[in-house]
Structures are given as C-alpha cells and as structure tokens.
Amino acid sequence: MVTRRDIIRQFGTVVAAAAAPALFLRARAQAAGPVRIFTPFPPGSGPDAALRVVSEQLEKRWAHPVVIENRPGGNGFIAVAAFKQGATDGRDLIQLDNTHTTTHPHTYTHLPYDVQRDFVPLAMLLRTSFFVVVGANSPFKTLDSIVAAAREQPGRITYGSWFNGSPGHIGALRLQTMTGVQMVHVPFRDFGQLYAAVATQQVDWALGSIGSAGPLERAGKLRFIALAAATRDPLYPNVPATAESDGLRGYEVSGWTGLFGPHGLPPATRDRLAADIADSLAAPETVDRYKTFGYEAPRLSPDEFAQLIRQETDTWGDIVREAHLRLD
C-alpha cells in the first residue's frame, strides 16, 4: 500500500532530480565568468607582454575571457588596492614582482598591504636577468668605466629606474655597496619614460630587461654594455656578463613577476589555478614568445614559490638596511 508519506517522498525526489541540472548549469555559468588580472605594469612593458601571452593560453583552458587590468603608478599600490576590493574566490588575480613582495616590506614603514596575509602565491610568471643600459651615443662602453667615473667624481653619475625601490633601483644600490661609489638615483613613472631618458642621456645608465629595454635597443637608441649575471645571454652573446670582470664578479641582478590570488583562497582552487598557469607557461606558443623576451619561467609549486619569497625577503633586507633606504 502506497502511503501519503511515500507519495511526498517520491515527489520530492522527482523535483530534486529535475532541479539538479538547473543548479549545475547555474553553478557552471557562475564559474565560467571572466577572470580579471590586475597588474601594476603599463601596457606594452615586458611584464605586461608576458602576462598577455599567458592569459591567451588561460582563456583557451578556461573557455572564458581573461581581462587584464593595467593599474600602473604608486609603486604598485594602485593595483593592489583595486585587487583587494575584488572577488575572493579566484576570479580576481594580481601580477606582482619581487620588489612588491620582497623589498617593499623593508622600505616602507606603513605598507598598505601584508604580503603573507593578503596574497596567495600561485606561480612565478617570469624571471629575467638585467642588462646595464646606456644611450646609443653614450661615452660609456663598459660597466667598469661607469664605476671608474663614479669613483673619480662622486655624485656626478646618474642612473634611472622605473620607480623608487624597483629592482632597477635596488640593483643599482647593490652595485654602489659592492664598489664603494656614490651615484644619483633618478626615478621615473614607468619603463617608457625611463628608457627614453637613457636614450637621450638625461640619465647615464639604467638596468633593463630584453622585454622592457629591448625595443629601443633594437631601434638603435640604446646599447647593452653588460649583463648582471654569471653567464652571457644567448640572445646577446657579444654583451659580457659581470662575472667576467674581476671588479664586478658576484654582481648579479634579476627580477621576476608572479601571479597571486587573494587571501583565503581555498587550497583546491589555489592548486587548480597553479596547475593551469603552469600548463600555460609550458605551452609551445608561450615558450617561443618568451624566448624573444629573454624570459624564463621556472616551474615552482605554490609552496616553493612562497618559500622563495621568504628567502629573498630576508636577503634584500640586509641590502636595504645597509643603504638606509626608506620610501615613506
């Protein structure tokens, strides 16, 4: 005998079964919304170009748009503020570099974010060594000659960077500490202004990557006179590495950018995003494009990436303290 309770139970089962596909499709539609990636780098810069290459691969994997939100200026604070107001479920990500995450905690007394609390490391997006860049008509042919001029006339030689506390700034401070010379730092708003100033010799030199300084170098307006690394770059085999100079051996400067999620991101979402980013970096199209930028993309797990950030934070702390560098 079928009771009223049985009828109600069967009816409820039918309703639930009918509703399940609709609920599934709704959840899938919500998950398939666009992803925003905030970046403090301006359009056309090396980090921006690399991010767009990777985002093209992510769009293929996710089958929905990846929108790049360029928020340059403010030493990265503008992009960070926008990111912190965004979604916390993985639909909003941010690109940051080693300065934002490893040196700013030492150079700012009141940093408007906490690296450990506000960001979840996902993957290193790129890593590159920096060239010493001068104008095409600069009298300087080697980094040794720049150091010699700075030693002869303390405070006369100028160098530029893309903002106070940037890798270009901190890297030059490291050179001064190693060689015992004094030079004058001239900060600029972005890469474009910086390398235009180097090209016209408004400043004597700067550090730069193939991705950011390369376009003007290829246009004949800049020259690369040294690579702050242990070995030469295969794309520029005629440019000596600093390890080849007795007085500059050990002077190495590199920069990286990575992708980060918001604090509280579920571990499963973190791992899925990290895996998709890693696969996008390994795609043949990405590898080929990265070669033209002179970038590499070490495959680090989120935990390995977080450990690297902690280690570099400790290392740069010593250099910043020795230089007495404060930015606020």
C-alpha atoms as a PDB file:
ATOM      1  CA  MET A   1       0.000   0.000   0.000  1.00  0.00           C
ATOM      2  CA  VAL A   2       1.370   3.401  -1.011  1.00  0.00           C
ATOM      3  CA  THR A   3       1.038   5.886   1.803  1.00  0.00           C
ATOM      4  CA  ARG A   4       0.838   9.633   1.588  1.00  0.00           C
ATOM      5  CA  ARG A   5       4.373   9.805   3.011  1.00  0.00           C
ATOM      6  CA  ASP A   6       5.649   7.636   0.131  1.00  0.00           C
ATOM      7  CA  ILE A   7       3.976   9.880  -2.419  1.00  0.00           C
ATOM      8  CA  ILE A   8       5.524  13.008  -0.854  1.00  0.00           C
ATOM      9  CA  ARG A   9       8.961  11.352  -0.731  1.00  0.00           C
ATOM     10  CA  GLN A  10       8.715  10.286  -4.384  1.00  0.00           C
ATOM     11  CA  PHE A  11       7.533  13.716  -5.423  1.00  0.00           C
ATOM     12  CA  GLY A  12      10.442  15.352  -3.603  1.00  0.00           C
ATOM     13  CA  THR A  13      12.895  13.029  -5.338  1.00  0.00           C
ATOM     14  CA  VAL A  14      11.473  13.906  -8.744  1.00  0.00           C
ATOM     15  CA  VAL A  15      11.635  17.630  -8.008  1.00  0.00           C
ATOM     16  CA  ALA A  16      15.226  17.361  -6.792  1.00  0.00           C
ATOM     17  CA  ALA A  17      16.228  15.394  -9.872  1.00  0.00           C
ATOM     18  CA  ALA A  18      14.607  17.940 -12.136  1.00  0.00           C
ATOM     19  CA  ALA A  19      16.255  20.810 -10.325  1.00  0.00           C
ATOM     20  CA  ALA A  20      19.752  19.285 -10.274  1.00  0.00           C
ATOM     21  CA  PRO A  21      20.615  20.061 -13.918  1.00  0.00           C
ATOM     22  CA  ALA A  22      19.448  23.629 -13.497  1.00  0.00           C
ATOM     23  CA  LEU A  23      21.517  24.083 -10.348  1.00  0.00           C
ATOM     24  CA  PHE A  24      24.511  22.515 -12.071  1.00  0.00           C
ATOM     25  CA  LEU A  25      24.194  24.806 -15.086  1.00  0.00           C
ATOM     26  CA  ARG A  26      23.804  27.847 -12.842  1.00  0.00           C
ATOM     27  CA  ALA A  27      26.930  26.948 -10.894  1.00  0.00           C
ATOM     28  CA  ARG A  28      28.808  26.292 -14.118  1.00  0.00           C
ATOM     29  CA  ALA A  29      27.701  29.633 -15.557  1.00  0.00           C
ATOM     30  CA  GLN A  30      28.876  31.437 -12.425  1.00  0.00           C
ATOM     31  CA  ALA A  31      32.235  29.635 -12.534  1.00  0.00           C
ATOM     32  CA  ALA A  32      32.601  30.498 -16.212  1.00  0.00           C
ATOM     33  CA  GLY A  33      32.614  34.239 -15.637  1.00  0.00           C
ATOM     34  CA  PRO A  34      35.589  36.329 -16.755  1.00  0.00           C
ATOM     35  CA  VAL A  35      38.783  36.364 -14.728  1.00  0.00           C
ATOM     36  CA  ARG A  36      40.462  39.704 -14.053  1.00  0.00           C
ATOM     37  CA  ILE A  37      44.195  40.003 -13.568  1.00  0.00           C
ATOM     38  CA  PHE A  38      45.361  43.284 -12.082  1.00  0.00           C
ATOM     39  CA  THR A  39      48.891  44.399 -12.899  1.00  0.00           C
ATOM     40  CA  PRO A  40      50.912  47.431 -11.775  1.00  0.00           C
ATOM     41  CA  PHE A  41      52.792  47.431 -15.082  1.00  0.00           C
ATOM     42  CA  PRO A  42      51.788  49.666 -18.002  1.00  0.00           C
ATOM     43  CA  PRO A  43      50.611  48.314 -21.354  1.00  0.00           C
ATOM     44  CA  GLY A  44      53.491  47.447 -23.648  1.00  0.00           C
ATOM     45  CA  SER A  45      56.004  46.784 -20.879  1.00  0.00           C
ATOM     46  CA  GLY A  46      57.828  43.455 -20.701  1.00  0.00           C
ATOM     47  CA  PRO A  47      55.848  42.100 -17.718  1.00  0.00           C
ATOM     48  CA  ASP A  48      52.586  43.173 -19.343  1.00  0.00           C
ATOM     49  CA  ALA A  49      53.520  41.471 -22.619  1.00  0.00           C
ATOM     50  CA  ALA A  50      54.379  38.220 -20.831  1.00  0.00           C
ATOM     51  CA  LEU A  51      51.127  38.351 -18.875  1.00  0.00           C
ATOM     52  CA  ARG A  52      49.110  38.726 -22.067  1.00  0.00           C
ATOM     53  CA  VAL A  53      50.869  35.751 -23.657  1.00  0.00           C
ATOM     54  CA  VAL A  54      49.956  33.582 -20.678  1.00  0.00           C
ATOM     55  CA  SER A  55      46.417  34.962 -20.472  1.00  0.00           C
ATOM     56  CA  GLU A  56      45.792  33.851 -24.068  1.00  0.00           C
ATOM     57  CA  GLN A  57      46.604  30.291 -23.029  1.00  0.00           C
ATOM     58  CA  LEU A  58      44.439  30.546 -19.910  1.00  0.00           C
ATOM     59  CA  GLU A  59      41.478  31.684 -21.985  1.00  0.00           C
ATOM     60  CA  LYS A  60      41.778  28.524 -24.082  1.00  0.00           C
ATOM     61  CA  ARG A  61      41.834  26.344 -20.978  1.00  0.00           C
ATOM     62  CA  TRP A  62      39.038  28.133 -19.162  1.00  0.00           C
ATOM     63  CA  ALA A  63      36.894  28.883 -22.227  1.00  0.00           C
ATOM     64  CA  HIS A  64      36.034  32.351 -20.952  1.00  0.00           C
ATOM     65  CA  PRO A  65      37.702  35.786 -21.063  1.00  0.00           C
ATOM     66  CA  VAL A  66      40.744  36.803 -19.065  1.00  0.00           C
ATOM     67  CA  VAL A  67      40.737  40.581 -18.683  1.00  0.00           C
ATOM     68  CA  ILE A  68      44.000  42.422 -17.971  1.00  0.00           C
ATOM     69  CA  GLU A  69      43.525  45.475 -15.743  1.00  0.00           C
ATOM     70  CA  ASN A  70      46.591  47.729 -16.020  1.00  0.00           C
ATOM     71  CA  ARG A  71      46.873  49.955 -12.940  1.00  0.00           C
ATOM     72  CA  PRO A  72      50.378  51.480 -13.112  1.00  0.00           C
ATOM     73  CA  GLY A  73      51.811  54.012 -10.687  1.00  0.00           C
ATOM     74  CA  GLY A  74      52.017  54.421  -6.955  1.00  0.00           C
ATOM     75  CA  ASN A  75      54.800  51.837  -6.553  1.00  0.00           C
ATOM     76  CA  GLY A  76      52.212  49.129  -7.169  1.00  0.00           C
ATOM     77  CA  PHE A  77      49.807  50.376  -4.508  1.00  0.00           C
ATOM     78  CA  ILE A  78      47.109  51.378  -7.024  1.00  0.00           C
ATOM     79  CA  ALA A  79      46.901  47.876  -8.486  1.00  0.00           C
ATOM     80  CA  VAL A  80      46.977  46.280  -5.042  1.00  0.00           C
ATOM     81  CA  ALA A  81      44.137  48.495  -3.780  1.00  0.00           C
ATOM     82  CA  ALA A  82      41.958  47.534  -6.759  1.00  0.00           C
ATOM     83  CA  PHE A  83      42.758  43.853  -6.283  1.00  0.00           C
ATOM     84  CA  LYS A  84      41.900  43.906  -2.580  1.00  0.00           C
ATOM     85  CA  GLN A  85      38.439  45.236  -3.451  1.00  0.00           C
ATOM     86  CA  GLY A  86      37.803  42.409  -5.921  1.00  0.00           C
ATOM     87  CA  ALA A  87      36.450  38.890  -5.737  1.00  0.00           C
ATOM     88  CA  THR A  88      37.994  36.474  -3.263  1.00  0.00           C
ATOM     89  CA  ASP A  89      37.053  33.208  -4.993  1.00  0.00           C
ATOM     90  CA  GLY A  90      39.844  33.135  -7.570  1.00  0.00           C
ATOM     91  CA  ARG A  91      38.151  35.216 -10.264  1.00  0.00           C
ATOM     92  CA  ASP A  92      40.425  38.166  -9.462  1.00  0.00           C
ATOM     93  CA  LEU A  93      44.200  37.688  -9.504  1.00  0.00           C
ATOM     94  CA  ILE A  94      47.179  40.055  -9.416  1.00  0.00           C
ATOM     95  CA  GLN A  95      50.612  40.186 -11.000  1.00  0.00           C
ATOM     96  CA  LEU A  96      53.367  41.377  -8.658  1.00  0.00           C
ATOM     97  CA  ASP A  97      57.149  41.415  -8.887  1.00  0.00           C
ATOM     98  CA  ASN A  98      59.942  40.708  -6.439  1.00  0.00           C
ATOM     99  CA  THR A  99      60.055  44.345  -5.347  1.00  0.00           C
ATOM    100  CA  HIS A 100      56.395  44.465  -4.336  1.00  0.00           C
ATOM    101  CA  THR A 101      56.772  41.264  -2.344  1.00  0.00           C
ATOM    102  CA  THR A 102      60.358  41.118  -1.038  1.00  0.00           C
ATOM    103  CA  THR A 103      61.768  44.654  -0.731  1.00  0.00           C
ATOM    104  CA  HIS A 104      58.745  46.888  -0.085  1.00  0.00           C
ATOM    105  CA  PRO A 105      58.277  45.285   3.355  1.00  0.00           C
ATOM    106  CA  HIS A 106      61.705  46.731   4.247  1.00  0.00           C
ATOM    107  CA  THR A 107      61.486  50.101   2.507  1.00  0.00           C
ATOM    108  CA  TYR A 108      58.055  51.152   3.768  1.00  0.00           C
ATOM    109  CA  THR A 109      57.178  51.662   7.413  1.00  0.00           C
ATOM    110  CA  HIS A 110      53.459  51.702   6.637  1.00  0.00           C
ATOM    111  CA  LEU A 111      52.952  49.343   3.710  1.00  0.00           C
ATOM    112  CA  PRO A 112      49.265  49.284   2.646  1.00  0.00           C
ATOM    113  CA  TYR A 113      49.298  45.502   2.389  1.00  0.00           C
ATOM    114  CA  ASP A 114      50.798  42.472   4.084  1.00  0.00           C
ATOM    115  CA  VAL A 115      52.472  40.025   1.712  1.00  0.00           C
ATOM    116  CA  GLN A 116      51.823  36.987   3.891  1.00  0.00           C
ATOM    117  CA  ARG A 117      48.263  37.945   4.824  1.00  0.00           C
ATOM    118  CA  ASP A 118      46.867  39.462   1.618  1.00  0.00           C
ATOM    119  CA  PHE A 119      48.345  37.337  -1.187  1.00  0.00           C
ATOM    120  CA  VAL A 120      48.413  33.630  -2.000  1.00  0.00           C
ATOM    121  CA  PRO A 121      51.351  32.741  -4.293  1.00  0.00           C
ATOM    122  CA  LEU A 122      50.251  30.754  -7.340  1.00  0.00           C
ATOM    123  CA  ALA A 123      53.132  30.648  -9.816  1.00  0.00           C
ATOM    124  CA  MET A 124      56.212  32.528 -10.933  1.00  0.00           C
ATOM    125  CA  LEU A 125      55.309  34.051 -14.273  1.00  0.00           C
ATOM    126  CA  LEU A 126      58.776  35.012 -15.496  1.00  0.00           C
ATOM    127  CA  ARG A 127      62.344  35.564 -14.403  1.00  0.00           C
ATOM    128  CA  THR A 128      64.980  37.619 -16.192  1.00  0.00           C
ATOM    129  CA  SER A 129      68.468  38.968 -15.633  1.00  0.00           C
ATOM    130  CA  PHE A 130      69.091  42.677 -16.152  1.00  0.00           C
ATOM    131  CA  PHE A 131      71.377  44.367 -18.630  1.00  0.00           C
ATOM    132  CA  VAL A 132      73.254  47.585 -17.947  1.00  0.00           C
ATOM    133  CA  VAL A 133      71.728  50.005 -20.460  1.00  0.00           C
ATOM    134  CA  VAL A 134      73.162  53.261 -21.824  1.00  0.00           C
ATOM    135  CA  GLY A 135      72.234  55.610 -24.650  1.00  0.00           C
ATOM    136  CA  ALA A 136      73.445  54.752 -28.144  1.00  0.00           C
ATOM    137  CA  ASN A 137      75.778  57.778 -28.094  1.00  0.00           C
ATOM    138  CA  SER A 138      76.905  57.372 -24.505  1.00  0.00           C
ATOM    139  CA  PRO A 139      80.659  57.624 -23.893  1.00  0.00           C
ATOM    140  CA  PHE A 140      80.425  54.607 -21.574  1.00  0.00           C
ATOM    141  CA  LYS A 141      81.364  51.320 -23.211  1.00  0.00           C
ATOM    142  CA  THR A 142      81.621  49.121 -20.110  1.00  0.00           C
ATOM    143  CA  LEU A 143      80.187  48.974 -16.611  1.00  0.00           C
ATOM    144  CA  ASP A 144      83.743  49.242 -15.285  1.00  0.00           C
ATOM    145  CA  SER A 145      84.021  52.650 -16.949  1.00  0.00           C
ATOM    146  CA  ILE A 146      80.829  53.823 -15.223  1.00  0.00           C
ATOM    147  CA  VAL A 147      82.160  52.693 -11.846  1.00  0.00           C
ATOM    148  CA  ALA A 148      85.506  54.409 -12.535  1.00  0.00           C
ATOM    149  CA  ALA A 149      83.761  57.691 -13.420  1.00  0.00           C
ATOM    150  CA  ALA A 150      81.629  57.492 -10.281  1.00  0.00           C
ATOM    151  CA  ARG A 151      84.753  56.908  -8.187  1.00  0.00           C
ATOM    152  CA  GLU A 152      86.540  59.890  -9.706  1.00  0.00           C
ATOM    153  CA  GLN A 153      83.561  62.239  -9.317  1.00  0.00           C
ATOM    154  CA  PRO A 154      81.243  61.055  -6.528  1.00  0.00           C
ATOM    155  CA  GLY A 155      77.631  62.089  -7.096  1.00  0.00           C
ATOM    156  CA  ARG A 156      78.068  63.030 -10.752  1.00  0.00           C
ATOM    157  CA  ILE A 157      76.961  59.809 -12.436  1.00  0.00           C
ATOM    158  CA  THR A 158      73.189  59.328 -12.606  1.00  0.00           C
ATOM    159  CA  TYR A 159      71.096  56.220 -13.050  1.00  0.00           C
ATOM    160  CA  GLY A 160      67.374  55.801 -13.524  1.00  0.00           C
ATOM    161  CA  SER A 161      64.766  53.241 -12.543  1.00  0.00           C
ATOM    162  CA  TRP A 162      61.055  52.736 -13.118  1.00  0.00           C
ATOM    163  CA  PHE A 163      60.145  53.727  -9.546  1.00  0.00           C
ATOM    164  CA  ASN A 164      61.668  54.187  -6.108  1.00  0.00           C
ATOM    165  CA  GLY A 165      62.506  50.793  -4.662  1.00  0.00           C
ATOM    166  CA  SER A 166      62.182  48.998  -8.017  1.00  0.00           C
ATOM    167  CA  PRO A 167      64.564  46.169  -8.961  1.00  0.00           C
ATOM    168  CA  GLY A 168      66.463  48.708 -11.059  1.00  0.00           C
ATOM    169  CA  HIS A 169      66.846  50.979  -8.042  1.00  0.00           C
ATOM    170  CA  ILE A 170      67.746  48.279  -5.522  1.00  0.00           C
ATOM    171  CA  GLY A 171      70.054  46.625  -8.042  1.00  0.00           C
ATOM    172  CA  ALA A 172      71.999  49.855  -8.536  1.00  0.00           C
ATOM    173  CA  LEU A 173      72.242  50.324  -4.780  1.00  0.00           C
ATOM    174  CA  ARG A 174      73.810  46.893  -4.591  1.00  0.00           C
ATOM    175  CA  LEU A 175      76.403  47.960  -7.181  1.00  0.00           C
ATOM    176  CA  GLN A 176      77.245  51.032  -5.124  1.00  0.00           C
ATOM    177  CA  THR A 177      77.630  48.926  -1.992  1.00  0.00           C
ATOM    178  CA  MET A 178      79.906  46.432  -3.772  1.00  0.00           C
ATOM    179  CA  THR A 179      82.148  49.058  -5.362  1.00  0.00           C
ATOM    180  CA  GLY A 180      82.029  51.792  -2.733  1.00  0.00           C
ATOM    181  CA  VAL A 181      80.941  54.524  -5.156  1.00  0.00           C
ATOM    182  CA  GLN A 182      78.185  57.132  -4.955  1.00  0.00           C
ATOM    183  CA  MET A 183      75.721  57.792  -7.766  1.00  0.00           C
ATOM    184  CA  VAL A 184      72.475  59.738  -8.042  1.00  0.00           C
ATOM    185  CA  HIS A 185      69.163  57.930  -8.483  1.00  0.00           C
ATOM    186  CA  VAL A 186      66.512  59.465 -10.764  1.00  0.00           C
ATOM    187  CA  PRO A 187      63.129  57.678 -10.526  1.00  0.00           C
ATOM    188  CA  PHE A 188      60.609  57.660 -13.374  1.00  0.00           C
ATOM    189  CA  ARG A 189      56.944  56.722 -13.566  1.00  0.00           C
ATOM    190  CA  ASP A 190      57.324  53.786 -15.928  1.00  0.00           C
ATOM    191  CA  PHE A 191      59.598  51.942 -18.336  1.00  0.00           C
ATOM    192  CA  GLY A 192      58.781  54.157 -21.309  1.00  0.00           C
ATOM    193  CA  GLN A 193      59.848  57.368 -19.593  1.00  0.00           C
ATOM    194  CA  LEU A 194      62.922  55.727 -18.125  1.00  0.00           C
ATOM    195  CA  TYR A 195      64.429  54.303 -21.288  1.00  0.00           C
ATOM    196  CA  ALA A 196      63.582  57.416 -23.301  1.00  0.00           C
ATOM    197  CA  ALA A 197      65.607  59.376 -20.724  1.00  0.00           C
ATOM    198  CA  VAL A 198      68.515  56.931 -21.016  1.00  0.00           C
ATOM    199  CA  ALA A 199      68.387  57.164 -24.819  1.00  0.00           C
ATOM    200  CA  THR A 200      68.662  60.955 -24.689  1.00  0.00           C
ATOM    201  CA  GLN A 201      71.304  60.776 -21.923  1.00  0.00           C
ATOM    202  CA  GLN A 202      69.192  62.625 -19.370  1.00  0.00           C
ATOM    203  CA  VAL A 203      70.496  59.881 -17.101  1.00  0.00           C
ATOM    204  CA  ASP A 204      73.723  57.993 -17.638  1.00  0.00           C
ATOM    205  CA  TRP A 205      72.511  54.427 -17.292  1.00  0.00           C
ATOM    206  CA  ALA A 206      69.849  52.058 -16.043  1.00  0.00           C
ATOM    207  CA  LEU A 207      69.170  48.389 -15.565  1.00  0.00           C
ATOM    208  CA  GLY A 208      66.758  46.825 -18.040  1.00  0.00           C
ATOM    209  CA  SER A 209      65.492  43.559 -19.467  1.00  0.00           C
ATOM    210  CA  ILE A 210      65.147  42.483 -23.074  1.00  0.00           C
ATOM    211  CA  GLY A 211      61.393  42.741 -22.711  1.00  0.00           C
ATOM    212  CA  SER A 212      61.360  46.353 -21.500  1.00  0.00           C
ATOM    213  CA  ALA A 213      64.540  47.943 -22.890  1.00  0.00           C
ATOM    214  CA  GLY A 214      64.875  45.679 -25.920  1.00  0.00           C
ATOM    215  CA  PRO A 215      62.584  47.622 -28.287  1.00  0.00           C
ATOM    216  CA  LEU A 216      64.689  50.797 -28.045  1.00  0.00           C
ATOM    217  CA  GLU A 217      67.903  48.750 -28.168  1.00  0.00           C
ATOM    218  CA  ARG A 218      66.767  47.115 -31.392  1.00  0.00           C
ATOM    219  CA  ALA A 219      65.808  50.553 -32.716  1.00  0.00           C
ATOM    220  CA  GLY A 220      69.417  51.667 -32.210  1.00  0.00           C
ATOM    221  CA  LYS A 221      68.644  54.175 -29.444  1.00  0.00           C
ATOM    222  CA  LEU A 222      70.090  52.158 -26.549  1.00  0.00           C
ATOM    223  CA  ARG A 223      73.087  49.888 -26.027  1.00  0.00           C
ATOM    224  CA  PHE A 224      73.519  46.937 -23.688  1.00  0.00           C
ATOM    225  CA  ILE A 225      77.056  47.080 -22.268  1.00  0.00           C
ATOM    226  CA  ALA A 226      76.913  44.351 -19.587  1.00  0.00           C
ATOM    227  CA  LEU A 227      74.643  41.657 -18.210  1.00  0.00           C
ATOM    228  CA  ALA A 228      74.429  41.492 -14.406  1.00  0.00           C
ATOM    229  CA  ALA A 229      74.669  37.712 -14.331  1.00  0.00           C
ATOM    230  CA  ALA A 230      77.064  34.788 -14.116  1.00  0.00           C
ATOM    231  CA  THR A 231      76.881  33.964 -17.844  1.00  0.00           C
ATOM    232  CA  ARG A 232      76.104  35.738 -21.095  1.00  0.00           C
ATOM    233  CA  ASP A 233      72.634  35.759 -22.609  1.00  0.00           C
ATOM    234  CA  PRO A 234      72.409  33.631 -25.782  1.00  0.00           C
ATOM    235  CA  LEU A 235      70.358  36.361 -27.466  1.00  0.00           C
ATOM    236  CA  TYR A 236      73.184  38.859 -26.864  1.00  0.00           C
ATOM    237  CA  PRO A 237      76.369  36.770 -26.972  1.00  0.00           C
ATOM    238  CA  ASN A 238      78.580  39.822 -27.508  1.00  0.00           C
ATOM    239  CA  VAL A 239      77.489  41.504 -24.265  1.00  0.00           C
ATOM    240  CA  PRO A 240      79.818  40.442 -21.421  1.00  0.00           C
ATOM    241  CA  ALA A 241      78.489  39.134 -18.130  1.00  0.00           C
ATOM    242  CA  THR A 242      79.610  40.908 -14.963  1.00  0.00           C
ATOM    243  CA  ALA A 243      81.188  37.633 -13.798  1.00  0.00           C
ATOM    244  CA  GLU A 244      83.856  38.204 -16.463  1.00  0.00           C
ATOM    245  CA  SER A 245      85.138  41.330 -14.688  1.00  0.00           C
ATOM    246  CA  ASP A 246      87.347  40.910 -11.610  1.00  0.00           C
ATOM    247  CA  GLY A 247      85.869  44.010 -10.011  1.00  0.00           C
ATOM    248  CA  LEU A 248      82.242  43.072 -10.735  1.00  0.00           C
ATOM    249  CA  ARG A 249      82.241  39.316 -10.172  1.00  0.00           C
ATOM    250  CA  GLY A 250      79.256  38.456  -7.987  1.00  0.00           C
ATOM    251  CA  TYR A 251      77.220  41.447  -9.089  1.00  0.00           C
ATOM    252  CA  GLU A 252      74.013  39.845 -10.332  1.00  0.00           C
ATOM    253  CA  VAL A 253      70.569  41.399 -10.597  1.00  0.00           C
ATOM    254  CA  SER A 254      67.449  39.607 -11.720  1.00  0.00           C
ATOM    255  CA  GLY A 255      63.768  40.268 -11.481  1.00  0.00           C
ATOM    256  CA  TRP A 256      60.671  38.146 -11.532  1.00  0.00           C
ATOM    257  CA  THR A 257      56.932  38.556 -11.590  1.00  0.00           C
ATOM    258  CA  GLY A 258      54.338  36.120 -10.356  1.00  0.00           C
ATOM    259  CA  LEU A 259      50.614  35.605 -10.168  1.00  0.00           C
ATOM    260  CA  PHE A 260      48.868  35.735  -6.800  1.00  0.00           C
ATOM    261  CA  GLY A 261      45.388  35.025  -5.552  1.00  0.00           C
ATOM    262  CA  PRO A 262      43.514  36.626  -2.644  1.00  0.00           C
ATOM    263  CA  HIS A 263      43.890  35.670   0.992  1.00  0.00           C
ATOM    264  CA  GLY A 264      41.603  32.833   1.969  1.00  0.00           C
ATOM    265  CA  LEU A 265      41.639  31.194  -1.446  1.00  0.00           C
ATOM    266  CA  PRO A 266      40.639  27.530  -0.924  1.00  0.00           C
ATOM    267  CA  PRO A 267      43.619  25.164  -1.335  1.00  0.00           C
ATOM    268  CA  ALA A 268      41.844  23.193  -4.059  1.00  0.00           C
ATOM    269  CA  THR A 269      41.218  26.394  -6.067  1.00  0.00           C
ATOM    270  CA  ARG A 270      44.799  27.511  -5.494  1.00  0.00           C
ATOM    271  CA  ASP A 271      46.183  24.229  -6.791  1.00  0.00           C
ATOM    272  CA  ARG A 272      43.887  24.208  -9.828  1.00  0.00           C
ATOM    273  CA  LEU A 273      44.861  27.757 -10.778  1.00  0.00           C
ATOM    274  CA  ALA A 274      48.557  26.988 -10.249  1.00  0.00           C
ATOM    275  CA  ALA A 275      48.334  23.897 -12.459  1.00  0.00           C
ATOM    276  CA  ASP A 276      46.559  25.807 -15.247  1.00  0.00           C
ATOM    277  CA  ILE A 277      49.123  28.610 -15.118  1.00  0.00           C
ATOM    278  CA  ALA A 278      51.996  26.102 -15.212  1.00  0.00           C
ATOM    279  CA  ASP A 279      50.476  24.345 -18.224  1.00  0.00           C
ATOM    280  CA  SER A 280      50.009  27.716 -19.954  1.00  0.00           C
ATOM    281  CA  LEU A 281      53.660  28.588 -19.355  1.00  0.00           C
ATOM    282  CA  ALA A 282      54.725  25.241 -20.788  1.00  0.00           C
ATOM    283  CA  ALA A 283      52.670  25.664 -23.974  1.00  0.00           C
ATOM    284  CA  PRO A 284      54.904  25.792 -27.093  1.00  0.00           C
ATOM    285  CA  GLU A 285      53.472  29.184 -28.088  1.00  0.00           C
ATOM    286  CA  THR A 286      54.404  30.636 -24.709  1.00  0.00           C
ATOM    287  CA  VAL A 287      57.892  29.134 -24.768  1.00  0.00           C
ATOM    288  CA  ASP A 288      58.553  30.589 -28.221  1.00  0.00           C
ATOM    289  CA  ARG A 289      57.317  34.054 -27.275  1.00  0.00           C
ATOM    290  CA  TYR A 290      59.289  34.016 -24.023  1.00  0.00           C
ATOM    291  CA  LYS A 291      62.491  33.361 -25.958  1.00  0.00           C
ATOM    292  CA  THR A 292      62.041  36.656 -27.806  1.00  0.00           C
ATOM    293  CA  PHE A 293      61.693  38.438 -24.443  1.00  0.00           C
ATOM    294  CA  GLY A 294      64.692  36.718 -22.893  1.00  0.00           C
ATOM    295  CA  TYR A 295      62.433  35.365 -20.135  1.00  0.00           C
ATOM    296  CA  GLU A 296      62.426  32.027 -18.391  1.00  0.00           C
ATOM    297  CA  ALA A 297      59.590  30.553 -16.355  1.00  0.00           C
ATOM    298  CA  PRO A 298      60.807  28.263 -13.550  1.00  0.00           C
ATOM    299  CA  ARG A 299      58.124  25.761 -12.581  1.00  0.00           C
ATOM    300  CA  LEU A 300      57.590  26.234  -8.856  1.00  0.00           C
ATOM    301  CA  SER A 301      54.730  24.882  -6.806  1.00  0.00           C
ATOM    302  CA  PRO A 302      52.785  27.440  -4.755  1.00  0.00           C
ATOM    303  CA  ASP A 303      54.624  26.296  -1.622  1.00  0.00           C
ATOM    304  CA  GLU A 304      58.029  26.517  -3.329  1.00  0.00           C
ATOM    305  CA  PHE A 305      57.161  29.974  -4.636  1.00  0.00           C
ATOM    306  CA  ALA A 306      56.155  31.103  -1.147  1.00  0.00           C
ATOM    307  CA  GLN A 307      59.428  29.768   0.270  1.00  0.00           C
ATOM    308  CA  LEU A 308      61.432  31.666  -2.374  1.00  0.00           C
ATOM    309  CA  ILE A 309      59.644  34.881  -1.441  1.00  0.00           C
ATOM    310  CA  ARG A 310      60.519  34.401   2.233  1.00  0.00           C
ATOM    311  CA  GLN A 311      64.167  33.721   1.401  1.00  0.00           C
ATOM    312  CA  GLU A 312      64.534  36.741  -0.892  1.00  0.00           C
ATOM    313  CA  THR A 313      62.785  38.952   1.654  1.00  0.00           C
ATOM    314  CA  ASP A 314      65.486  38.086   4.171  1.00  0.00           C
ATOM    315  CA  THR A 315      68.310  38.646   1.642  1.00  0.00           C
ATOM    316  CA  TRP A 316      67.107  42.033   0.417  1.00  0.00           C
ATOM    317  CA  GLY A 317      66.525  43.184   3.974  1.00  0.00           C
ATOM    318  CA  ASP A 318      70.267  43.271   4.581  1.00  0.00           C
ATOM    319  CA  ILE A 319      70.913  45.342   1.433  1.00  0.00           C
ATOM    320  CA  VAL A 320      68.111  47.816   2.176  1.00  0.00           C
ATOM    321  CA  ARG A 321      69.285  48.327   5.755  1.00  0.00           C
ATOM    322  CA  GLU A 322      72.868  48.871   4.639  1.00  0.00           C
ATOM    323  CA  ALA A 323      71.705  51.501   2.126  1.00  0.00           C
ATOM    324  CA  HIS A 324      69.447  53.150   4.747  1.00  0.00           C
ATOM    325  CA  LEU A 325      66.684  53.203   2.137  1.00  0.00           C
ATOM    326  CA  ARG A 326      63.282  54.364   3.322  1.00  0.00           C
ATOM    327  CA  LEU A 327      60.488  55.301   0.929  1.00  0.00           C
ATOM    328  CA  ASP A 328      57.952  56.800   3.336  1.00  0.00           C
END
